[in-house]
Amino acid sequence: MRGWKILPVAVVTGLLVLTAPVWAKSIVVKSETPIVTVNVPYGFESSGIDHGVETKTPDEGILVWVEVVPAADLDALLKEHDAYWQSQGVDLGGAPAHVNQEVDGKKVAATDFKSATWKGEPTVIRYLLIDPALQSKNVIVLSMWASPEADKAHDADVNKMISSLDVKE
């Protein structure tokens, strides 16, 4: 599984709990079952994609994708991602770091491609796979591509965005 950075337990624990900051808007990621919403900070731009939504920071230093797919289609989605990384010239590097946890009855797998590079320079590629144990068997894939500088600059906003994920079936 491709993943998100290795998050401290406190952040993962708050993963699916709504936070209280002021947000620009709440985005519906998928209008079918399940309905997944995520709060997007002011200034971030969002647009619909095949399986969900793409959000980018105002400086375009970070792209975050939140996608909802049937668990049976996960491998196909990850192959799409692999083709995208290749088309963009991203080298995912060696074996990624993985952390698997259960948070509020939801399985969460985090993956961090610590050796990833883009145009020969370090880049940040992370994934979260969230299995909320839904009757529909759908899973949530949250992926991120960032420059190391943007990752540091927008870390708090991105973590709040992740924490705002809400799932209703």
N, C-alpha and C. Protein backbone atom coordinates (compact mmCIF):
# COMPACT_ATOMS: atom_id res chain seq x y z
N MET A 1 0.84 -1.19 0.00
CA MET A 1 0.00 0.00 0.00
C MET A 1 0.86 1.23 0.00
N ARG A 2 0.55 2.19 -0.83
CA ARG A 2 1.25 3.45 -0.86
C ARG A 2 0.67 4.31 0.26
N GLY A 3 1.41 5.25 0.85
CA GLY A 3 0.85 5.87 2.01
C GLY A 3 1.18 7.29 2.32
N TRP A 4 0.72 7.67 3.43
CA TRP A 4 0.86 8.97 4.01
C TRP A 4 2.06 8.95 4.92
N LYS A 5 2.55 10.09 5.33
CA LYS A 5 3.71 10.06 6.21
C LYS A 5 3.39 9.32 7.48
N ILE A 6 4.41 8.87 8.17
CA ILE A 6 4.22 8.17 9.42
C ILE A 6 3.75 9.22 10.42
N LEU A 7 2.49 9.14 10.77
CA LEU A 7 1.88 10.15 11.61
C LEU A 7 1.99 9.77 13.08
N PRO A 8 2.21 10.76 13.94
CA PRO A 8 2.20 10.45 15.37
C PRO A 8 0.84 9.88 15.75
N VAL A 9 0.84 9.05 16.78
CA VAL A 9 -0.40 8.41 17.22
C VAL A 9 -1.48 9.44 17.49
N ALA A 10 -1.11 10.60 18.03
CA ALA A 10 -2.11 11.63 18.34
C ALA A 10 -2.81 12.12 17.08
N VAL A 11 -2.08 12.27 15.99
CA VAL A 11 -2.69 12.74 14.74
C VAL A 11 -3.58 11.66 14.17
N VAL A 12 -3.10 10.41 14.14
CA VAL A 12 -3.91 9.31 13.62
C VAL A 12 -5.16 9.14 14.47
N THR A 13 -5.04 9.29 15.79
CA THR A 13 -6.19 9.16 16.67
C THR A 13 -7.26 10.19 16.31
N GLY A 14 -6.84 11.38 15.93
CA GLY A 14 -7.78 12.42 15.56
C GLY A 14 -8.17 12.39 14.11
N LEU A 15 -7.74 11.36 13.39
CA LEU A 15 -7.91 11.27 11.95
C LEU A 15 -9.33 11.53 11.47
N LEU A 16 -10.30 10.92 12.09
CA LEU A 16 -11.68 11.04 11.60
C LEU A 16 -12.57 11.86 12.52
N VAL A 17 -11.94 12.72 13.32
CA VAL A 17 -12.69 13.58 14.23
C VAL A 17 -12.69 14.98 13.64
N LEU A 18 -13.85 15.63 13.62
CA LEU A 18 -13.90 16.98 13.07
C LEU A 18 -13.15 17.94 13.97
N THR A 19 -12.47 18.90 13.36
CA THR A 19 -11.75 19.91 14.12
C THR A 19 -12.52 21.22 14.06
N ALA A 20 -12.13 22.19 14.87
CA ALA A 20 -12.90 23.40 15.02
C ALA A 20 -12.36 24.64 14.32
N PRO A 21 -11.29 24.58 13.53
CA PRO A 21 -10.80 25.82 12.92
C PRO A 21 -11.75 26.34 11.85
N VAL A 22 -11.49 27.56 11.42
CA VAL A 22 -12.28 28.17 10.36
C VAL A 22 -11.79 27.61 9.02
N TRP A 23 -12.73 27.15 8.21
CA TRP A 23 -12.39 26.54 6.93
C TRP A 23 -13.11 27.25 5.81
N ALA A 24 -12.56 27.18 4.64
CA ALA A 24 -13.18 27.81 3.48
C ALA A 24 -14.47 27.10 3.11
N LYS A 25 -14.42 25.76 3.10
CA LYS A 25 -15.60 25.02 2.69
C LYS A 25 -15.43 23.55 3.03
N SER A 26 -16.55 22.88 3.07
CA SER A 26 -16.56 21.44 3.25
C SER A 26 -16.85 20.84 1.88
N ILE A 27 -15.99 19.93 1.43
CA ILE A 27 -16.09 19.33 0.09
C ILE A 27 -16.65 17.92 0.21
N VAL A 28 -17.65 17.59 -0.60
CA VAL A 28 -18.14 16.23 -0.68
C VAL A 28 -17.24 15.50 -1.68
N VAL A 29 -16.57 14.47 -1.19
CA VAL A 29 -15.62 13.74 -2.03
C VAL A 29 -16.35 12.82 -2.99
N LYS A 30 -17.40 12.18 -2.52
CA LYS A 30 -18.13 11.25 -3.36
C LYS A 30 -19.60 11.35 -2.95
N SER A 31 -20.48 11.52 -3.91
CA SER A 31 -21.89 11.71 -3.59
C SER A 31 -22.67 10.41 -3.51
N GLU A 32 -22.04 9.29 -3.92
CA GLU A 32 -22.68 8.00 -3.77
C GLU A 32 -22.37 7.47 -2.37
N THR A 33 -22.83 6.30 -2.05
CA THR A 33 -22.51 5.71 -0.76
C THR A 33 -21.07 5.23 -0.79
N PRO A 34 -20.23 5.53 0.15
CA PRO A 34 -20.50 6.43 1.27
C PRO A 34 -20.32 7.89 0.85
N ILE A 35 -20.85 8.76 1.66
CA ILE A 35 -20.62 10.18 1.46
C ILE A 35 -19.43 10.55 2.32
N VAL A 36 -18.38 11.02 1.70
CA VAL A 36 -17.17 11.41 2.39
C VAL A 36 -17.03 12.92 2.23
N THR A 37 -16.82 13.61 3.34
CA THR A 37 -16.57 15.05 3.28
C THR A 37 -15.23 15.35 3.91
N VAL A 38 -14.63 16.43 3.45
CA VAL A 38 -13.35 16.89 4.00
C VAL A 38 -13.41 18.42 4.02
N ASN A 39 -12.92 19.01 5.10
CA ASN A 39 -12.86 20.47 5.19
C ASN A 39 -11.56 20.96 4.58
N VAL A 40 -11.68 21.95 3.70
CA VAL A 40 -10.53 22.47 2.96
C VAL A 40 -10.24 23.89 3.46
N PRO A 41 -8.99 24.17 3.83
CA PRO A 41 -8.63 25.50 4.34
C PRO A 41 -8.82 26.61 3.30
N TYR A 42 -8.99 27.85 3.78
CA TYR A 42 -9.07 29.01 2.90
C TYR A 42 -7.85 29.06 1.99
N GLY A 43 -8.08 29.41 0.75
CA GLY A 43 -7.00 29.56 -0.20
C GLY A 43 -6.64 28.29 -0.96
N PHE A 44 -7.01 27.13 -0.42
CA PHE A 44 -6.74 25.88 -1.12
C PHE A 44 -7.77 25.76 -2.25
N GLU A 45 -7.33 25.26 -3.41
CA GLU A 45 -8.23 25.06 -4.54
C GLU A 45 -8.57 23.58 -4.66
N SER A 46 -9.83 23.29 -4.95
CA SER A 46 -10.27 21.89 -5.10
C SER A 46 -11.00 21.71 -6.41
N SER A 47 -10.86 20.51 -6.96
CA SER A 47 -11.58 20.16 -8.18
C SER A 47 -11.88 18.67 -8.16
N GLY A 48 -12.93 18.30 -8.85
CA GLY A 48 -13.33 16.90 -8.92
C GLY A 48 -12.40 16.11 -9.83
N ILE A 49 -12.17 14.86 -9.45
CA ILE A 49 -11.41 13.91 -10.27
C ILE A 49 -12.23 12.62 -10.35
N ASP A 50 -11.76 11.65 -11.11
CA ASP A 50 -12.55 10.44 -11.36
C ASP A 50 -13.09 9.78 -10.10
N HIS A 51 -12.28 9.64 -9.06
CA HIS A 51 -12.71 8.90 -7.87
C HIS A 51 -12.89 9.77 -6.64
N GLY A 52 -12.83 11.10 -6.80
CA GLY A 52 -12.93 11.94 -5.62
C GLY A 52 -12.63 13.39 -5.89
N VAL A 53 -11.65 13.93 -5.15
CA VAL A 53 -11.33 15.35 -5.25
C VAL A 53 -9.83 15.55 -5.14
N GLU A 54 -9.33 16.57 -5.86
CA GLU A 54 -7.93 16.99 -5.78
C GLU A 54 -7.92 18.37 -5.15
N THR A 55 -7.02 18.58 -4.20
CA THR A 55 -6.89 19.87 -3.54
C THR A 55 -5.43 20.29 -3.59
N LYS A 56 -5.19 21.58 -3.85
CA LYS A 56 -3.81 22.06 -3.84
C LYS A 56 -3.70 23.33 -3.01
N THR A 57 -2.53 23.50 -2.43
CA THR A 57 -2.26 24.68 -1.62
C THR A 57 -2.15 25.91 -2.52
N PRO A 58 -2.32 27.10 -1.94
CA PRO A 58 -2.25 28.32 -2.76
C PRO A 58 -0.95 28.45 -3.54
N ASP A 59 0.17 27.98 -2.98
CA ASP A 59 1.45 28.07 -3.67
C ASP A 59 1.70 26.88 -4.60
N GLU A 60 0.72 25.98 -4.69
CA GLU A 60 0.77 24.76 -5.50
C GLU A 60 1.95 23.86 -5.12
N GLY A 61 2.43 24.01 -3.89
CA GLY A 61 3.52 23.18 -3.40
C GLY A 61 3.07 21.82 -2.92
N ILE A 62 1.76 21.67 -2.68
CA ILE A 62 1.21 20.39 -2.22
C ILE A 62 -0.04 20.07 -3.02
N LEU A 63 -0.13 18.83 -3.47
CA LEU A 63 -1.35 18.29 -4.06
C LEU A 63 -1.83 17.18 -3.13
N VAL A 64 -3.12 17.21 -2.79
CA VAL A 64 -3.73 16.17 -1.96
C VAL A 64 -4.92 15.61 -2.74
N TRP A 65 -4.95 14.29 -2.85
CA TRP A 65 -6.07 13.63 -3.50
C TRP A 65 -6.81 12.80 -2.46
N VAL A 66 -8.14 12.92 -2.42
CA VAL A 66 -8.98 12.08 -1.57
C VAL A 66 -9.90 11.33 -2.51
N GLU A 67 -9.75 10.01 -2.51
CA GLU A 67 -10.51 9.18 -3.45
C GLU A 67 -11.24 8.07 -2.71
N VAL A 68 -12.40 7.72 -3.21
CA VAL A 68 -13.21 6.63 -2.64
C VAL A 68 -13.40 5.58 -3.72
N VAL A 69 -12.99 4.35 -3.41
CA VAL A 69 -13.11 3.25 -4.37
C VAL A 69 -13.54 1.98 -3.65
N PRO A 70 -14.19 1.07 -4.36
CA PRO A 70 -14.44 -0.25 -3.77
C PRO A 70 -13.09 -0.91 -3.45
N ALA A 71 -13.02 -1.60 -2.34
CA ALA A 71 -11.77 -2.28 -1.95
C ALA A 71 -11.25 -3.16 -3.07
N ALA A 72 -12.16 -3.77 -3.83
CA ALA A 72 -11.75 -4.66 -4.92
C ALA A 72 -11.04 -3.90 -6.05
N ASP A 73 -11.23 -2.58 -6.13
CA ASP A 73 -10.61 -1.76 -7.17
C ASP A 73 -9.35 -1.05 -6.71
N LEU A 74 -8.91 -1.30 -5.48
CA LEU A 74 -7.77 -0.59 -4.92
C LEU A 74 -6.49 -0.80 -5.74
N ASP A 75 -6.21 -2.04 -6.11
CA ASP A 75 -4.99 -2.31 -6.90
C ASP A 75 -5.01 -1.55 -8.22
N ALA A 76 -6.15 -1.49 -8.87
CA ALA A 76 -6.26 -0.77 -10.13
C ALA A 76 -6.01 0.73 -9.92
N LEU A 77 -6.54 1.28 -8.83
CA LEU A 77 -6.30 2.70 -8.53
C LEU A 77 -4.81 2.95 -8.29
N LEU A 78 -4.17 2.07 -7.53
CA LEU A 78 -2.74 2.26 -7.26
C LEU A 78 -1.90 2.12 -8.52
N LYS A 79 -2.34 1.29 -9.47
CA LYS A 79 -1.65 1.21 -10.76
C LYS A 79 -1.80 2.52 -11.53
N GLU A 80 -2.99 3.14 -11.43
CA GLU A 80 -3.18 4.46 -12.04
C GLU A 80 -2.21 5.47 -11.42
N HIS A 81 -2.08 5.41 -10.10
CA HIS A 81 -1.16 6.31 -9.42
C HIS A 81 0.28 6.06 -9.87
N ASP A 82 0.68 4.79 -9.95
CA ASP A 82 2.04 4.47 -10.40
C ASP A 82 2.31 5.05 -11.79
N ALA A 83 1.33 4.92 -12.69
CA ALA A 83 1.48 5.47 -14.04
C ALA A 83 1.60 7.00 -13.98
N TYR A 84 0.84 7.63 -13.10
CA TYR A 84 0.91 9.09 -12.94
C TYR A 84 2.30 9.50 -12.45
N TRP A 85 2.79 8.83 -11.40
CA TRP A 85 4.12 9.18 -10.88
C TRP A 85 5.16 9.04 -11.99
N GLN A 86 5.08 7.96 -12.74
CA GLN A 86 6.03 7.73 -13.83
C GLN A 86 5.92 8.84 -14.88
N SER A 87 4.70 9.22 -15.24
CA SER A 87 4.51 10.27 -16.26
C SER A 87 5.03 11.62 -15.79
N GLN A 88 5.07 11.83 -14.47
CA GLN A 88 5.55 13.09 -13.91
C GLN A 88 7.05 13.08 -13.63
N GLY A 89 7.69 11.94 -13.84
CA GLY A 89 9.12 11.84 -13.59
C GLY A 89 9.46 11.64 -12.12
N VAL A 90 8.51 11.13 -11.34
CA VAL A 90 8.75 10.87 -9.92
C VAL A 90 9.34 9.47 -9.77
N ASP A 91 10.43 9.37 -9.03
CA ASP A 91 11.02 8.08 -8.68
C ASP A 91 10.66 7.82 -7.22
N LEU A 92 9.90 6.79 -6.97
CA LEU A 92 9.44 6.51 -5.60
C LEU A 92 10.55 5.97 -4.71
N GLY A 93 11.71 5.67 -5.27
CA GLY A 93 12.85 5.24 -4.46
C GLY A 93 12.70 3.82 -3.96
N GLY A 94 13.35 3.54 -2.86
CA GLY A 94 13.33 2.20 -2.27
C GLY A 94 12.02 1.88 -1.58
N ALA A 95 12.08 0.87 -0.75
CA ALA A 95 10.88 0.41 -0.04
C ALA A 95 10.37 1.52 0.88
N PRO A 96 9.06 1.77 0.86
CA PRO A 96 8.49 2.81 1.72
C PRO A 96 8.36 2.33 3.17
N ALA A 97 8.18 3.29 4.07
CA ALA A 97 7.90 2.98 5.48
C ALA A 97 6.39 2.83 5.63
N HIS A 98 5.97 1.81 6.39
CA HIS A 98 4.54 1.53 6.60
C HIS A 98 4.21 1.52 8.09
N VAL A 99 3.01 2.01 8.41
CA VAL A 99 2.45 1.89 9.75
C VAL A 99 0.99 1.53 9.59
N ASN A 100 0.55 0.48 10.27
CA ASN A 100 -0.85 0.07 10.25
C ASN A 100 -1.41 0.22 11.66
N GLN A 101 -2.58 0.87 11.76
CA GLN A 101 -3.22 1.06 13.05
C GLN A 101 -4.73 0.93 12.89
N GLU A 102 -5.39 0.80 14.01
CA GLU A 102 -6.85 0.85 14.02
C GLU A 102 -7.24 2.06 14.85
N VAL A 103 -8.09 2.91 14.28
CA VAL A 103 -8.53 4.13 14.94
C VAL A 103 -10.05 4.15 14.91
N ASP A 104 -10.65 4.12 16.08
CA ASP A 104 -12.12 4.16 16.19
C ASP A 104 -12.79 3.11 15.29
N GLY A 105 -12.24 1.91 15.24
CA GLY A 105 -12.81 0.83 14.47
C GLY A 105 -12.51 0.90 12.98
N LYS A 106 -11.66 1.84 12.58
CA LYS A 106 -11.30 2.00 11.18
C LYS A 106 -9.84 1.59 11.00
N LYS A 107 -9.57 0.75 10.03
CA LYS A 107 -8.20 0.37 9.73
C LYS A 107 -7.53 1.50 8.95
N VAL A 108 -6.35 1.90 9.39
CA VAL A 108 -5.61 2.97 8.74
C VAL A 108 -4.21 2.47 8.42
N ALA A 109 -3.84 2.54 7.15
CA ALA A 109 -2.49 2.16 6.72
C ALA A 109 -1.81 3.41 6.18
N ALA A 110 -0.69 3.77 6.79
CA ALA A 110 0.07 4.94 6.36
C ALA A 110 1.35 4.48 5.68
N THR A 111 1.69 5.11 4.56
CA THR A 111 2.91 4.79 3.83
C THR A 111 3.61 6.08 3.45
N ASP A 112 4.93 6.08 3.65
CA ASP A 112 5.76 7.25 3.36
C ASP A 112 6.91 6.82 2.45
N PHE A 113 6.98 7.39 1.26
CA PHE A 113 8.07 7.10 0.33
C PHE A 113 9.22 8.06 0.64
N LYS A 114 10.00 7.71 1.65
CA LYS A 114 11.05 8.60 2.16
C LYS A 114 12.18 8.85 1.18
N SER A 115 12.36 7.99 0.18
CA SER A 115 13.44 8.15 -0.79
C SER A 115 12.96 8.70 -2.13
N ALA A 116 11.72 9.17 -2.19
CA ALA A 116 11.17 9.65 -3.46
C ALA A 116 11.91 10.90 -3.94
N THR A 117 12.07 10.98 -5.28
CA THR A 117 12.68 12.15 -5.88
C THR A 117 11.88 12.58 -7.11
N TRP A 118 12.00 13.86 -7.43
CA TRP A 118 11.41 14.43 -8.63
C TRP A 118 12.47 15.32 -9.26
N LYS A 119 12.79 15.04 -10.49
CA LYS A 119 13.86 15.78 -11.19
C LYS A 119 15.16 15.73 -10.39
N GLY A 120 15.40 14.57 -9.75
CA GLY A 120 16.63 14.36 -9.00
C GLY A 120 16.68 14.99 -7.62
N GLU A 121 15.63 15.69 -7.24
CA GLU A 121 15.57 16.36 -5.93
C GLU A 121 14.57 15.63 -5.03
N PRO A 122 14.77 15.68 -3.70
CA PRO A 122 13.81 15.05 -2.79
C PRO A 122 12.40 15.60 -2.98
N THR A 123 11.44 14.71 -2.87
CA THR A 123 10.04 15.10 -2.91
C THR A 123 9.29 14.27 -1.88
N VAL A 124 8.10 14.69 -1.51
CA VAL A 124 7.33 14.02 -0.47
C VAL A 124 6.13 13.33 -1.11
N ILE A 125 6.07 12.01 -0.97
CA ILE A 125 4.94 11.22 -1.46
C ILE A 125 4.44 10.39 -0.28
N ARG A 126 3.17 10.58 0.08
CA ARG A 126 2.58 9.84 1.20
C ARG A 126 1.18 9.39 0.84
N TYR A 127 0.78 8.30 1.48
CA TYR A 127 -0.57 7.77 1.31
C TYR A 127 -1.16 7.39 2.66
N LEU A 128 -2.47 7.55 2.77
CA LEU A 128 -3.26 6.94 3.84
C LEU A 128 -4.32 6.10 3.17
N LEU A 129 -4.46 4.87 3.60
CA LEU A 129 -5.57 4.02 3.16
C LEU A 129 -6.44 3.84 4.39
N ILE A 130 -7.68 4.24 4.28
CA ILE A 130 -8.62 4.17 5.39
C ILE A 130 -9.73 3.20 5.03
N ASP A 131 -9.89 2.18 5.84
CA ASP A 131 -10.97 1.22 5.65
C ASP A 131 -11.96 1.43 6.79
N PRO A 132 -13.04 2.18 6.54
CA PRO A 132 -14.00 2.46 7.60
C PRO A 132 -14.99 1.32 7.86
N ALA A 133 -14.72 0.14 7.32
CA ALA A 133 -15.55 -1.06 7.54
C ALA A 133 -17.02 -0.79 7.16
N LEU A 134 -17.21 -0.31 5.95
CA LEU A 134 -18.55 0.02 5.47
C LEU A 134 -19.21 -1.17 4.80
N GLN A 135 -20.52 -1.18 4.81
CA GLN A 135 -21.25 -2.24 4.12
C GLN A 135 -20.95 -2.24 2.63
N SER A 136 -20.70 -1.07 2.08
CA SER A 136 -20.41 -0.95 0.65
C SER A 136 -19.02 -1.49 0.29
N LYS A 137 -18.18 -1.74 1.30
CA LYS A 137 -16.80 -2.23 1.11
C LYS A 137 -15.91 -1.20 0.43
N ASN A 138 -16.32 0.08 0.45
CA ASN A 138 -15.50 1.14 -0.12
C ASN A 138 -14.41 1.55 0.86
N VAL A 139 -13.28 1.98 0.31
CA VAL A 139 -12.17 2.47 1.11
C VAL A 139 -11.82 3.88 0.65
N ILE A 140 -11.12 4.60 1.51
CA ILE A 140 -10.70 5.96 1.21
C ILE A 140 -9.19 5.95 1.01
N VAL A 141 -8.74 6.53 -0.08
CA VAL A 141 -7.31 6.65 -0.35
C VAL A 141 -6.98 8.14 -0.36
N LEU A 142 -6.14 8.55 0.56
CA LEU A 142 -5.69 9.92 0.62
C LEU A 142 -4.21 9.92 0.26
N SER A 143 -3.85 10.63 -0.79
CA SER A 143 -2.45 10.67 -1.22
C SER A 143 -2.00 12.11 -1.33
N MET A 144 -0.68 12.30 -1.17
CA MET A 144 -0.12 13.65 -1.16
C MET A 144 1.21 13.66 -1.89
N TRP A 145 1.42 14.73 -2.66
CA TRP A 145 2.70 15.00 -3.30
C TRP A 145 3.08 16.43 -2.93
N ALA A 146 4.28 16.61 -2.39
CA ALA A 146 4.68 17.94 -1.94
C ALA A 146 6.18 18.14 -2.09
N SER A 147 6.55 19.40 -2.18
CA SER A 147 7.97 19.72 -2.03
C SER A 147 8.27 19.65 -0.53
N PRO A 148 9.50 19.34 -0.15
CA PRO A 148 9.81 19.31 1.28
C PRO A 148 9.52 20.64 1.97
N GLU A 149 9.75 21.75 1.28
CA GLU A 149 9.50 23.08 1.87
C GLU A 149 8.01 23.30 2.10
N ALA A 150 7.19 22.98 1.10
CA ALA A 150 5.74 23.15 1.23
C ALA A 150 5.18 22.20 2.29
N ASP A 151 5.74 21.00 2.36
CA ASP A 151 5.30 20.04 3.38
C ASP A 151 5.45 20.64 4.77
N LYS A 152 6.58 21.26 5.03
CA LYS A 152 6.79 21.89 6.34
C LYS A 152 5.89 23.11 6.53
N ALA A 153 5.78 23.93 5.49
CA ALA A 153 5.00 25.16 5.59
C ALA A 153 3.51 24.92 5.80
N HIS A 154 2.98 23.86 5.20
CA HIS A 154 1.53 23.61 5.25
C HIS A 154 1.15 22.39 6.08
N ASP A 155 2.08 21.87 6.85
CA ASP A 155 1.84 20.65 7.63
C ASP A 155 0.60 20.75 8.51
N ALA A 156 0.45 21.84 9.24
CA ALA A 156 -0.69 21.97 10.17
C ALA A 156 -2.01 21.98 9.40
N ASP A 157 -2.08 22.73 8.30
CA ASP A 157 -3.32 22.78 7.52
C ASP A 157 -3.67 21.42 6.92
N VAL A 158 -2.67 20.72 6.38
CA VAL A 158 -2.94 19.41 5.78
C VAL A 158 -3.38 18.42 6.85
N ASN A 159 -2.73 18.43 8.02
CA ASN A 159 -3.16 17.52 9.09
C ASN A 159 -4.56 17.83 9.57
N LYS A 160 -4.94 19.10 9.63
CA LYS A 160 -6.32 19.47 10.01
C LYS A 160 -7.30 18.99 8.95
N MET A 161 -6.90 19.09 7.70
CA MET A 161 -7.75 18.61 6.61
C MET A 161 -7.98 17.11 6.75
N ILE A 162 -6.91 16.37 7.01
CA ILE A 162 -7.03 14.92 7.19
C ILE A 162 -7.93 14.60 8.39
N SER A 163 -7.74 15.33 9.46
CA SER A 163 -8.54 15.09 10.66
C SER A 163 -10.01 15.39 10.45
N SER A 164 -10.32 16.21 9.45
CA SER A 164 -11.71 16.58 9.22
C SER A 164 -12.49 15.54 8.42
N LEU A 165 -11.80 14.55 7.86
CA LEU A 165 -12.51 13.53 7.05
C LEU A 165 -13.69 12.97 7.82
N ASP A 166 -14.84 12.94 7.17
CA ASP A 166 -16.05 12.42 7.80
C ASP A 166 -16.72 11.47 6.80
N VAL A 167 -17.12 10.30 7.28
CA VAL A 167 -17.71 9.29 6.42
C VAL A 167 -19.10 8.94 6.92
N LYS A 168 -20.06 8.96 6.02
CA LYS A 168 -21.45 8.53 6.35
C LYS A 168 -21.89 7.56 5.26
N GLU A 169 -22.51 6.46 5.72
CA GLU A 169 -23.01 5.50 4.74
C GLU A 169 -24.52 5.44 4.84
